[in-house]
Amino acid sequence: MKRDAMLADGSQNGIGLKTAVPLQSSPFYSKHMSEIARGGRPLKYMEAFNKQAFKLCLLGAVDQELADFFEVSEWTINRWKKEFPRFSQSLKRGKKMADADVAYKLYQRAIGFSHGDTDIKVIRNKIVKTRLVKHYPPDTVAAIFWLKNRSTNNWRDKSHVEIDYNKLSDEQLTFIVDELKQSANEHPGRHQ
């Protein structure tokens, strides 16, 4: 915002028309300078934000999305978390509940599940409702995802092997070096 293009009512014209007055002489400037002197811009926070933030977190909102919703910066959201404990608790509670719900649904997909349903058909011009149970088999991808995140030591893709080269004989070291050279020749660019 151009400081010399501020209108007397606090709005800006963006192009510095002659209707603009110097910022220092506008009533908007003096009102907000007192706020800045107290330590910054006026707070936009309101107690009602706690409930809104909780609901947004239930929907999976992250801090940047909260900032966009409340029309502030992500830095301001982080400041509100520190200055307003109820706001911070609302965020934590909403995020925990959303994460728990998703974890439960992922777990159900991993092990398979069933639920009641109603089949609706029209037979001989009459609506016929039939209660039934739908079965969903276990989902292999969901099971793998669950296990990799819950039991990483047993289900990771790569295993880590440590070798104490000090305990190897000269022949074993020579063999390892020869194998590495051969692999490098067969697959150039792989071992860089």
N, C-alpha and C. Protein backbone atom coordinates (compact mmCIF):
# COMPACT_ATOMS: atom_id res chain seq x y z
N MET A 1 0.84 -1.16 0.00
CA MET A 1 0.00 0.00 0.00
C MET A 1 0.89 1.23 0.00
N LYS A 2 0.63 2.15 -0.90
CA LYS A 2 1.40 3.39 -0.94
C LYS A 2 0.94 4.28 0.20
N ARG A 3 1.89 4.71 1.01
CA ARG A 3 1.53 5.55 2.16
C ARG A 3 0.93 6.88 1.73
N ASP A 4 1.37 7.43 0.60
CA ASP A 4 0.86 8.73 0.19
C ASP A 4 -0.41 8.62 -0.65
N ALA A 5 -0.95 7.43 -0.81
CA ALA A 5 -2.16 7.27 -1.61
C ALA A 5 -3.33 6.81 -0.75
N MET A 6 -3.28 7.07 0.53
CA MET A 6 -4.34 6.66 1.44
C MET A 6 -5.42 7.73 1.45
N LEU A 7 -6.67 7.32 1.25
CA LEU A 7 -7.77 8.27 1.29
C LEU A 7 -8.09 8.63 2.74
N ALA A 8 -8.79 9.72 2.92
CA ALA A 8 -9.09 10.19 4.26
C ALA A 8 -9.93 9.20 5.05
N ASP A 9 -10.75 8.38 4.39
CA ASP A 9 -11.58 7.42 5.11
C ASP A 9 -10.83 6.12 5.40
N GLY A 10 -9.56 6.05 5.06
CA GLY A 10 -8.77 4.85 5.34
C GLY A 10 -8.68 3.89 4.19
N SER A 11 -9.46 4.12 3.12
CA SER A 11 -9.36 3.24 1.96
C SER A 11 -8.22 3.73 1.08
N GLN A 12 -7.88 2.93 0.10
CA GLN A 12 -6.80 3.36 -0.78
C GLN A 12 -7.28 3.33 -2.22
N ASN A 13 -6.77 4.24 -3.04
CA ASN A 13 -7.17 4.25 -4.43
C ASN A 13 -6.18 3.51 -5.30
N GLY A 14 -4.99 3.21 -4.79
CA GLY A 14 -4.02 2.40 -5.49
C GLY A 14 -3.29 3.11 -6.62
N ILE A 15 -3.74 4.27 -7.04
CA ILE A 15 -3.08 4.94 -8.16
C ILE A 15 -2.63 6.35 -7.82
N GLY A 16 -2.82 6.78 -6.59
CA GLY A 16 -2.34 8.09 -6.15
C GLY A 16 -3.05 9.26 -6.80
N LEU A 17 -4.38 9.19 -6.94
CA LEU A 17 -5.12 10.31 -7.51
C LEU A 17 -5.03 11.53 -6.60
N LYS A 18 -5.36 12.68 -7.11
CA LYS A 18 -5.25 13.92 -6.33
C LYS A 18 -6.23 13.95 -5.17
N THR A 19 -7.22 13.04 -5.15
CA THR A 19 -8.17 13.02 -4.03
C THR A 19 -7.52 12.44 -2.78
N ALA A 20 -6.39 11.82 -2.94
CA ALA A 20 -5.72 11.22 -1.79
C ALA A 20 -5.07 12.29 -0.95
N VAL A 21 -5.06 12.05 0.37
CA VAL A 21 -4.39 12.97 1.27
C VAL A 21 -3.19 12.25 1.85
N PRO A 22 -2.20 12.96 2.31
CA PRO A 22 -1.07 12.28 2.93
C PRO A 22 -1.55 11.44 4.10
N LEU A 23 -1.00 10.26 4.26
CA LEU A 23 -1.43 9.31 5.28
C LEU A 23 -1.38 9.93 6.67
N GLN A 24 -0.33 10.69 6.97
CA GLN A 24 -0.17 11.24 8.31
C GLN A 24 -1.30 12.19 8.69
N SER A 25 -1.95 12.83 7.75
CA SER A 25 -3.01 13.79 8.09
C SER A 25 -4.39 13.16 8.09
N SER A 26 -4.51 11.85 7.80
CA SER A 26 -5.84 11.24 7.78
C SER A 26 -6.25 10.79 9.17
N PRO A 27 -7.56 10.84 9.50
CA PRO A 27 -8.02 10.35 10.80
C PRO A 27 -7.77 8.84 10.95
N PHE A 28 -7.80 8.13 9.85
CA PHE A 28 -7.52 6.70 9.85
C PHE A 28 -6.12 6.44 10.41
N TYR A 29 -5.16 7.24 9.99
CA TYR A 29 -3.78 7.08 10.40
C TYR A 29 -3.63 7.27 11.90
N SER A 30 -4.19 8.35 12.45
CA SER A 30 -4.02 8.62 13.88
C SER A 30 -4.70 7.54 14.73
N LYS A 31 -5.87 7.06 14.28
CA LYS A 31 -6.57 6.00 15.02
C LYS A 31 -5.73 4.74 15.10
N HIS A 32 -5.15 4.34 13.99
CA HIS A 32 -4.40 3.09 13.95
C HIS A 32 -2.97 3.22 14.45
N MET A 33 -2.42 4.43 14.48
CA MET A 33 -1.09 4.61 15.06
C MET A 33 -1.12 4.33 16.55
N SER A 34 -2.24 4.63 17.21
CA SER A 34 -2.34 4.33 18.63
C SER A 34 -2.33 2.82 18.85
N GLU A 35 -2.95 2.07 17.94
CA GLU A 35 -2.92 0.60 18.02
C GLU A 35 -1.50 0.09 17.83
N ILE A 36 -0.80 0.64 16.86
CA ILE A 36 0.57 0.20 16.57
C ILE A 36 1.47 0.52 17.76
N ALA A 37 1.25 1.68 18.39
CA ALA A 37 2.05 2.06 19.54
C ALA A 37 1.85 1.08 20.70
N ARG A 38 0.66 0.47 20.79
CA ARG A 38 0.40 -0.51 21.84
C ARG A 38 0.97 -1.87 21.51
N GLY A 39 1.58 -2.02 20.34
CA GLY A 39 2.21 -3.31 20.04
C GLY A 39 1.73 -3.95 18.77
N GLY A 40 1.19 -3.23 17.84
CA GLY A 40 0.83 -3.84 16.56
C GLY A 40 -0.56 -3.47 16.11
N ARG A 41 -1.01 -4.21 15.10
CA ARG A 41 -2.33 -3.97 14.52
C ARG A 41 -3.42 -4.38 15.48
N PRO A 42 -4.64 -3.85 15.30
CA PRO A 42 -5.74 -4.27 16.16
C PRO A 42 -6.03 -5.76 15.96
N LEU A 43 -6.38 -6.43 17.05
CA LEU A 43 -6.68 -7.86 16.96
C LEU A 43 -7.99 -8.08 16.22
N LYS A 44 -7.99 -9.09 15.35
CA LYS A 44 -9.23 -9.45 14.67
C LYS A 44 -9.88 -10.62 15.40
N TYR A 45 -9.22 -11.16 16.42
CA TYR A 45 -9.71 -12.35 17.10
C TYR A 45 -11.00 -12.06 17.86
N MET A 46 -11.93 -13.02 17.77
CA MET A 46 -13.16 -12.98 18.55
C MET A 46 -13.39 -14.36 19.15
N GLU A 47 -14.02 -14.42 20.29
CA GLU A 47 -14.28 -15.69 20.99
C GLU A 47 -15.06 -16.67 20.10
N ALA A 48 -15.90 -16.17 19.21
CA ALA A 48 -16.69 -17.03 18.33
C ALA A 48 -15.80 -17.84 17.37
N PHE A 49 -14.56 -17.40 17.19
CA PHE A 49 -13.65 -18.12 16.29
C PHE A 49 -13.34 -19.53 16.80
N ASN A 50 -13.43 -19.73 18.13
CA ASN A 50 -13.12 -21.05 18.69
C ASN A 50 -14.00 -22.13 18.08
N LYS A 51 -15.28 -21.88 18.03
CA LYS A 51 -16.23 -22.87 17.50
C LYS A 51 -16.03 -23.05 16.00
N GLN A 52 -15.81 -21.94 15.29
CA GLN A 52 -15.58 -22.02 13.85
C GLN A 52 -14.30 -22.81 13.54
N ALA A 53 -13.24 -22.52 14.30
CA ALA A 53 -11.97 -23.21 14.08
C ALA A 53 -12.11 -24.70 14.36
N PHE A 54 -12.84 -25.04 15.43
CA PHE A 54 -13.08 -26.45 15.76
C PHE A 54 -13.75 -27.17 14.59
N LYS A 55 -14.80 -26.58 14.05
CA LYS A 55 -15.54 -27.19 12.95
C LYS A 55 -14.67 -27.30 11.69
N LEU A 56 -13.87 -26.28 11.43
CA LEU A 56 -12.99 -26.32 10.25
C LEU A 56 -11.95 -27.43 10.41
N CYS A 57 -11.44 -27.61 11.62
CA CYS A 57 -10.46 -28.68 11.86
C CYS A 57 -11.10 -30.06 11.72
N LEU A 58 -12.37 -30.17 12.10
CA LEU A 58 -13.08 -31.44 11.89
C LEU A 58 -13.16 -31.78 10.40
N LEU A 59 -13.18 -30.75 9.58
CA LEU A 59 -13.23 -30.95 8.12
C LEU A 59 -11.84 -31.14 7.53
N GLY A 60 -10.80 -31.10 8.38
CA GLY A 60 -9.45 -31.35 7.90
C GLY A 60 -8.64 -30.10 7.58
N ALA A 61 -9.11 -28.94 7.98
CA ALA A 61 -8.40 -27.69 7.66
C ALA A 61 -7.04 -27.65 8.36
N VAL A 62 -6.04 -27.16 7.64
CA VAL A 62 -4.72 -26.93 8.20
C VAL A 62 -4.59 -25.43 8.50
N ASP A 63 -3.51 -25.04 9.17
CA ASP A 63 -3.37 -23.65 9.62
C ASP A 63 -3.49 -22.63 8.49
N GLN A 64 -2.93 -22.91 7.33
CA GLN A 64 -3.02 -21.95 6.23
C GLN A 64 -4.47 -21.77 5.78
N GLU A 65 -5.25 -22.85 5.78
CA GLU A 65 -6.66 -22.75 5.42
C GLU A 65 -7.46 -21.98 6.48
N LEU A 66 -7.08 -22.16 7.75
CA LEU A 66 -7.71 -21.38 8.82
C LEU A 66 -7.41 -19.90 8.62
N ALA A 67 -6.16 -19.60 8.30
CA ALA A 67 -5.76 -18.21 8.06
C ALA A 67 -6.56 -17.61 6.91
N ASP A 68 -6.72 -18.37 5.85
CA ASP A 68 -7.51 -17.89 4.70
C ASP A 68 -8.96 -17.64 5.12
N PHE A 69 -9.52 -18.55 5.89
CA PHE A 69 -10.91 -18.41 6.32
C PHE A 69 -11.10 -17.15 7.18
N PHE A 70 -10.19 -16.94 8.14
CA PHE A 70 -10.31 -15.80 9.05
C PHE A 70 -9.70 -14.53 8.46
N GLU A 71 -9.19 -14.61 7.25
CA GLU A 71 -8.59 -13.48 6.54
C GLU A 71 -7.45 -12.84 7.32
N VAL A 72 -6.56 -13.71 7.82
CA VAL A 72 -5.35 -13.27 8.51
C VAL A 72 -4.19 -14.11 7.97
N SER A 73 -3.00 -13.84 8.44
CA SER A 73 -1.84 -14.63 8.02
C SER A 73 -1.73 -15.89 8.89
N GLU A 74 -0.96 -16.85 8.41
CA GLU A 74 -0.71 -18.05 9.20
C GLU A 74 0.04 -17.68 10.49
N TRP A 75 0.89 -16.67 10.41
CA TRP A 75 1.61 -16.17 11.59
C TRP A 75 0.61 -15.72 12.65
N THR A 76 -0.47 -15.05 12.23
CA THR A 76 -1.48 -14.59 13.18
C THR A 76 -2.19 -15.77 13.83
N ILE A 77 -2.48 -16.81 13.05
CA ILE A 77 -3.10 -18.02 13.62
C ILE A 77 -2.18 -18.59 14.70
N ASN A 78 -0.89 -18.67 14.42
CA ASN A 78 0.06 -19.19 15.42
C ASN A 78 0.12 -18.29 16.65
N ARG A 79 0.01 -16.98 16.47
CA ARG A 79 -0.01 -16.05 17.60
C ARG A 79 -1.28 -16.25 18.43
N TRP A 80 -2.42 -16.44 17.75
CA TRP A 80 -3.68 -16.68 18.47
C TRP A 80 -3.59 -17.96 19.29
N LYS A 81 -2.92 -18.97 18.76
CA LYS A 81 -2.77 -20.22 19.51
C LYS A 81 -2.05 -19.96 20.83
N LYS A 82 -1.06 -19.09 20.81
CA LYS A 82 -0.30 -18.78 22.03
C LYS A 82 -1.07 -17.85 22.96
N GLU A 83 -1.74 -16.86 22.41
CA GLU A 83 -2.39 -15.84 23.23
C GLU A 83 -3.77 -16.25 23.74
N PHE A 84 -4.44 -17.16 23.05
CA PHE A 84 -5.81 -17.53 23.41
C PHE A 84 -5.89 -19.05 23.58
N PRO A 85 -5.70 -19.54 24.81
CA PRO A 85 -5.67 -20.99 25.05
C PRO A 85 -6.92 -21.73 24.57
N ARG A 86 -8.08 -21.09 24.68
CA ARG A 86 -9.31 -21.76 24.22
C ARG A 86 -9.31 -21.96 22.71
N PHE A 87 -8.73 -21.01 21.99
CA PHE A 87 -8.60 -21.14 20.53
C PHE A 87 -7.69 -22.32 20.21
N SER A 88 -6.55 -22.37 20.89
CA SER A 88 -5.60 -23.46 20.68
C SER A 88 -6.24 -24.81 21.01
N GLN A 89 -6.98 -24.89 22.10
CA GLN A 89 -7.65 -26.13 22.48
C GLN A 89 -8.69 -26.54 21.45
N SER A 90 -9.40 -25.57 20.90
CA SER A 90 -10.39 -25.87 19.87
C SER A 90 -9.73 -26.51 18.64
N LEU A 91 -8.59 -25.95 18.24
CA LEU A 91 -7.86 -26.51 17.10
C LEU A 91 -7.40 -27.93 17.39
N LYS A 92 -6.78 -28.12 18.54
CA LYS A 92 -6.26 -29.44 18.90
C LYS A 92 -7.38 -30.48 18.97
N ARG A 93 -8.49 -30.09 19.60
CA ARG A 93 -9.62 -31.01 19.75
C ARG A 93 -10.20 -31.39 18.39
N GLY A 94 -10.39 -30.40 17.52
CA GLY A 94 -10.93 -30.67 16.19
C GLY A 94 -10.00 -31.54 15.35
N LYS A 95 -8.71 -31.26 15.40
CA LYS A 95 -7.75 -32.04 14.62
C LYS A 95 -7.65 -33.47 15.14
N LYS A 96 -7.66 -33.64 16.48
CA LYS A 96 -7.60 -34.99 17.05
C LYS A 96 -8.82 -35.80 16.68
N MET A 97 -9.99 -35.18 16.77
CA MET A 97 -11.22 -35.91 16.43
C MET A 97 -11.23 -36.31 14.95
N ALA A 98 -10.82 -35.39 14.08
CA ALA A 98 -10.79 -35.69 12.65
C ALA A 98 -9.80 -36.80 12.36
N ASP A 99 -8.60 -36.72 12.96
CA ASP A 99 -7.58 -37.75 12.74
C ASP A 99 -8.06 -39.11 13.26
N ALA A 100 -8.71 -39.10 14.43
CA ALA A 100 -9.21 -40.36 14.99
C ALA A 100 -10.28 -40.97 14.10
N ASP A 101 -11.16 -40.14 13.55
CA ASP A 101 -12.21 -40.63 12.67
C ASP A 101 -11.62 -41.25 11.40
N VAL A 102 -10.65 -40.56 10.81
CA VAL A 102 -10.01 -41.08 9.60
C VAL A 102 -9.25 -42.38 9.92
N ALA A 103 -8.55 -42.41 11.05
CA ALA A 103 -7.81 -43.62 11.44
C ALA A 103 -8.77 -44.79 11.61
N TYR A 104 -9.93 -44.54 12.23
CA TYR A 104 -10.92 -45.60 12.41
C TYR A 104 -11.45 -46.10 11.07
N LYS A 105 -11.75 -45.17 10.17
CA LYS A 105 -12.26 -45.56 8.85
C LYS A 105 -11.18 -46.33 8.05
N LEU A 106 -9.93 -45.90 8.15
CA LEU A 106 -8.84 -46.62 7.49
C LEU A 106 -8.72 -48.02 8.06
N TYR A 107 -8.81 -48.13 9.38
CA TYR A 107 -8.75 -49.44 10.03
C TYR A 107 -9.88 -50.34 9.54
N GLN A 108 -11.10 -49.78 9.45
CA GLN A 108 -12.23 -50.57 8.94
C GLN A 108 -11.97 -51.06 7.52
N ARG A 109 -11.43 -50.19 6.67
CA ARG A 109 -11.11 -50.59 5.29
C ARG A 109 -10.06 -51.70 5.28
N ALA A 110 -9.09 -51.60 6.19
CA ALA A 110 -8.00 -52.57 6.24
C ALA A 110 -8.50 -53.96 6.64
N ILE A 111 -9.45 -54.03 7.57
CA ILE A 111 -9.91 -55.34 8.05
C ILE A 111 -11.21 -55.80 7.40
N GLY A 112 -11.86 -54.92 6.65
CA GLY A 112 -13.16 -55.25 6.05
C GLY A 112 -14.27 -54.90 7.03
N PHE A 113 -15.46 -54.63 6.50
CA PHE A 113 -16.58 -54.26 7.37
C PHE A 113 -17.89 -54.52 6.66
N SER A 114 -18.96 -54.47 7.43
CA SER A 114 -20.33 -54.65 6.92
C SER A 114 -21.21 -53.55 7.50
N HIS A 115 -22.25 -53.21 6.76
CA HIS A 115 -23.22 -52.25 7.30
C HIS A 115 -24.58 -52.50 6.66
N GLY A 116 -25.61 -52.10 7.40
CA GLY A 116 -26.98 -52.26 6.92
C GLY A 116 -27.31 -51.27 5.83
N ASP A 117 -28.21 -51.66 4.94
CA ASP A 117 -28.62 -50.81 3.83
C ASP A 117 -30.04 -51.19 3.43
N THR A 118 -30.64 -50.40 2.59
CA THR A 118 -31.98 -50.69 2.08
C THR A 118 -31.93 -50.64 0.56
N ASP A 119 -32.40 -51.72 -0.07
CA ASP A 119 -32.48 -51.79 -1.53
C ASP A 119 -33.90 -51.37 -1.91
N ILE A 120 -34.01 -50.40 -2.81
CA ILE A 120 -35.33 -49.91 -3.22
C ILE A 120 -35.52 -50.22 -4.70
N LYS A 121 -36.61 -50.93 -5.00
CA LYS A 121 -36.94 -51.30 -6.38
C LYS A 121 -38.41 -51.02 -6.64
N VAL A 122 -38.73 -50.86 -7.91
CA VAL A 122 -40.13 -50.74 -8.31
C VAL A 122 -40.49 -52.05 -9.01
N ILE A 123 -41.45 -52.80 -8.42
CA ILE A 123 -41.90 -54.07 -8.99
C ILE A 123 -43.41 -53.98 -9.17
N ARG A 124 -43.84 -54.15 -10.46
CA ARG A 124 -45.27 -54.06 -10.80
C ARG A 124 -45.87 -52.75 -10.30
N ASN A 125 -45.19 -51.66 -10.55
CA ASN A 125 -45.62 -50.31 -10.20
C ASN A 125 -45.72 -50.06 -8.69
N LYS A 126 -45.05 -50.89 -7.90
CA LYS A 126 -45.04 -50.68 -6.45
C LYS A 126 -43.60 -50.56 -5.98
N ILE A 127 -43.38 -49.68 -5.02
CA ILE A 127 -42.06 -49.53 -4.43
C ILE A 127 -41.87 -50.64 -3.40
N VAL A 128 -40.77 -51.39 -3.58
CA VAL A 128 -40.45 -52.48 -2.67
C VAL A 128 -39.11 -52.17 -2.01
N LYS A 129 -39.13 -52.12 -0.67
CA LYS A 129 -37.90 -51.89 0.09
C LYS A 129 -37.47 -53.19 0.73
N THR A 130 -36.20 -53.53 0.53
CA THR A 130 -35.65 -54.75 1.09
C THR A 130 -34.43 -54.39 1.94
N ARG A 131 -34.46 -54.77 3.22
CA ARG A 131 -33.30 -54.53 4.08
C ARG A 131 -32.24 -55.56 3.76
N LEU A 132 -30.99 -55.11 3.71
CA LEU A 132 -29.89 -56.01 3.42
C LEU A 132 -28.64 -55.56 4.15
N VAL A 133 -27.62 -56.40 4.12
CA VAL A 133 -26.33 -56.08 4.72
C VAL A 133 -25.29 -56.09 3.62
N LYS A 134 -24.57 -54.96 3.48
CA LYS A 134 -23.49 -54.89 2.50
C LYS A 134 -22.18 -55.25 3.18
N HIS A 135 -21.40 -56.08 2.50
CA HIS A 135 -20.10 -56.52 3.02
C HIS A 135 -18.99 -55.94 2.16
N TYR A 136 -17.97 -55.41 2.80
CA TYR A 136 -16.79 -54.89 2.10
C TYR A 136 -15.58 -55.70 2.55
N PRO A 137 -14.90 -56.36 1.63
CA PRO A 137 -13.75 -57.18 2.02
C PRO A 137 -12.58 -56.30 2.48
N PRO A 138 -11.62 -56.89 3.17
CA PRO A 138 -10.43 -56.13 3.57
C PRO A 138 -9.72 -55.55 2.34
N ASP A 139 -9.18 -54.37 2.49
CA ASP A 139 -8.47 -53.69 1.42
C ASP A 139 -6.97 -53.80 1.69
N THR A 140 -6.26 -54.46 0.77
CA THR A 140 -4.83 -54.71 0.96
C THR A 140 -4.03 -53.41 1.07
N VAL A 141 -4.33 -52.43 0.25
CA VAL A 141 -3.58 -51.16 0.29
C VAL A 141 -3.79 -50.47 1.64
N ALA A 142 -5.02 -50.46 2.12
CA ALA A 142 -5.30 -49.84 3.42
C ALA A 142 -4.57 -50.58 4.54
N ALA A 143 -4.55 -51.92 4.45
CA ALA A 143 -3.85 -52.72 5.47
C ALA A 143 -2.35 -52.43 5.47
N ILE A 144 -1.75 -52.35 4.28
CA ILE A 144 -0.32 -52.06 4.19
C ILE A 144 -0.04 -50.66 4.74
N PHE A 145 -0.85 -49.69 4.36
CA PHE A 145 -0.67 -48.32 4.85
C PHE A 145 -0.76 -48.29 6.37
N TRP A 146 -1.76 -48.96 6.90
CA TRP A 146 -1.95 -49.00 8.36
C TRP A 146 -0.72 -49.60 9.04
N LEU A 147 -0.28 -50.76 8.55
CA LEU A 147 0.84 -51.44 9.18
C LEU A 147 2.15 -50.66 9.06
N LYS A 148 2.38 -50.02 7.91
CA LYS A 148 3.60 -49.24 7.75
C LYS A 148 3.64 -48.05 8.69
N ASN A 149 2.48 -47.49 9.02
CA ASN A 149 2.44 -46.35 9.91
C ASN A 149 2.35 -46.73 11.38
N ARG A 150 1.75 -47.86 11.67
CA ARG A 150 1.59 -48.28 13.07
C ARG A 150 2.73 -49.15 13.56
N SER A 151 3.35 -49.89 12.66
CA SER A 151 4.40 -50.84 13.04
C SER A 151 5.57 -50.71 12.06
N THR A 152 6.20 -49.56 12.07
CA THR A 152 7.22 -49.27 11.05
C THR A 152 8.42 -50.19 11.12
N ASN A 153 8.79 -50.65 12.30
CA ASN A 153 9.95 -51.54 12.39
C ASN A 153 9.73 -52.87 11.70
N ASN A 154 8.49 -53.33 11.66
CA ASN A 154 8.19 -54.62 11.05
C ASN A 154 7.72 -54.52 9.60
N TRP A 155 7.25 -53.35 9.16
CA TRP A 155 6.60 -53.24 7.86
C TRP A 155 7.19 -52.19 6.94
N ARG A 156 8.41 -51.77 7.13
CA ARG A 156 8.98 -50.77 6.23
C ARG A 156 9.46 -51.43 4.94
N ASP A 157 9.55 -50.64 3.87
CA ASP A 157 9.96 -51.16 2.57
C ASP A 157 11.44 -51.50 2.52
N LYS A 158 12.26 -50.72 3.20
CA LYS A 158 13.69 -50.94 3.16
C LYS A 158 14.17 -51.42 4.51
N SER A 159 15.11 -52.34 4.47
CA SER A 159 15.72 -52.75 5.73
C SER A 159 17.11 -52.14 5.80
N HIS A 160 17.54 -51.87 7.00
CA HIS A 160 18.83 -51.23 7.21
C HIS A 160 19.78 -52.27 7.79
N VAL A 161 20.88 -52.50 7.12
CA VAL A 161 21.87 -53.47 7.57
C VAL A 161 23.16 -52.71 7.87
N GLU A 162 23.65 -52.89 9.08
CA GLU A 162 24.91 -52.26 9.45
C GLU A 162 26.03 -53.29 9.39
N ILE A 163 27.15 -52.90 8.80
CA ILE A 163 28.31 -53.79 8.69
C ILE A 163 29.48 -53.14 9.41
N ASP A 164 30.09 -53.89 10.29
CA ASP A 164 31.30 -53.41 10.96
C ASP A 164 32.48 -53.87 10.12
N TYR A 165 32.97 -52.96 9.27
CA TYR A 165 34.06 -53.30 8.35
C TYR A 165 35.36 -53.62 9.08
N ASN A 166 35.49 -53.20 10.32
CA ASN A 166 36.69 -53.50 11.09
C ASN A 166 36.81 -54.98 11.42
N LYS A 167 35.68 -55.68 11.40
CA LYS A 167 35.68 -57.11 11.74
C LYS A 167 35.82 -58.01 10.52
N LEU A 168 35.87 -57.41 9.31
CA LEU A 168 35.99 -58.21 8.09
C LEU A 168 37.46 -58.48 7.77
N SER A 169 37.69 -59.64 7.16
CA SER A 169 39.06 -59.98 6.75
C SER A 169 39.40 -59.22 5.47
N ASP A 170 40.68 -59.21 5.11
CA ASP A 170 41.11 -58.55 3.87
C ASP A 170 40.44 -59.18 2.66
N GLU A 171 40.28 -60.50 2.67
CA GLU A 171 39.63 -61.18 1.54
C GLU A 171 38.16 -60.76 1.41
N GLN A 172 37.47 -60.63 2.54
CA GLN A 172 36.07 -60.21 2.51
C GLN A 172 35.93 -58.77 2.00
N LEU A 173 36.84 -57.90 2.44
CA LEU A 173 36.82 -56.51 1.97
C LEU A 173 37.10 -56.44 0.48
N THR A 174 38.08 -57.23 0.00
CA THR A 174 38.41 -57.25 -1.43
C THR A 174 37.21 -57.74 -2.22
N PHE A 175 36.53 -58.76 -1.73
CA PHE A 175 35.35 -59.30 -2.41
C PHE A 175 34.26 -58.22 -2.52
N ILE A 176 34.00 -57.48 -1.43
CA ILE A 176 32.97 -56.43 -1.43
C ILE A 176 33.33 -55.34 -2.43
N VAL A 177 34.59 -54.92 -2.44
CA VAL A 177 35.03 -53.88 -3.37
C VAL A 177 34.87 -54.35 -4.81
N ASP A 178 35.25 -55.59 -5.10
CA ASP A 178 35.11 -56.14 -6.46
C ASP A 178 33.64 -56.20 -6.88
N GLU A 179 32.76 -56.59 -5.97
CA GLU A 179 31.32 -56.65 -6.27
C GLU A 179 30.76 -55.26 -6.57
N LEU A 180 31.18 -54.27 -5.79
CA LEU A 180 30.72 -52.90 -6.02
C LEU A 180 31.22 -52.37 -7.36
N LYS A 181 32.48 -52.68 -7.71
CA LYS A 181 33.02 -52.25 -9.01
C LYS A 181 32.25 -52.88 -10.15
N GLN A 182 31.96 -54.18 -10.03
CA GLN A 182 31.23 -54.89 -11.08
C GLN A 182 29.82 -54.31 -11.22
N SER A 183 29.16 -54.06 -10.11
CA SER A 183 27.82 -53.48 -10.15
C SER A 183 27.84 -52.10 -10.78
N ALA A 184 28.87 -51.31 -10.47
CA ALA A 184 29.00 -49.97 -11.04
C ALA A 184 29.21 -50.02 -12.54
N ASN A 185 29.97 -51.00 -13.02
CA ASN A 185 30.20 -51.16 -14.46
C ASN A 185 28.94 -51.61 -15.18
N GLU A 186 28.14 -52.47 -14.53
CA GLU A 186 26.91 -52.98 -15.15
C GLU A 186 25.79 -51.95 -15.13
N HIS A 187 25.81 -51.08 -14.15
CA HIS A 187 24.75 -50.06 -13.99
C HIS A 187 25.37 -48.69 -13.81
N PRO A 188 25.94 -48.12 -14.88
CA PRO A 188 26.58 -46.80 -14.73
C PRO A 188 25.56 -45.74 -14.29
N GLY A 189 26.00 -44.85 -13.41
CA GLY A 189 25.15 -43.77 -12.92
C GLY A 189 24.31 -44.14 -11.70
N ARG A 190 24.18 -45.40 -11.38
CA ARG A 190 23.36 -45.84 -10.26
C ARG A 190 24.03 -45.57 -8.91
N HIS A 191 25.36 -45.70 -8.84
CA HIS A 191 26.07 -45.62 -7.57
C HIS A 191 26.79 -44.28 -7.40
N GLN A 192 26.19 -43.21 -7.79
CA GLN A 192 26.84 -41.91 -7.65
C GLN A 192 26.51 -41.29 -6.33
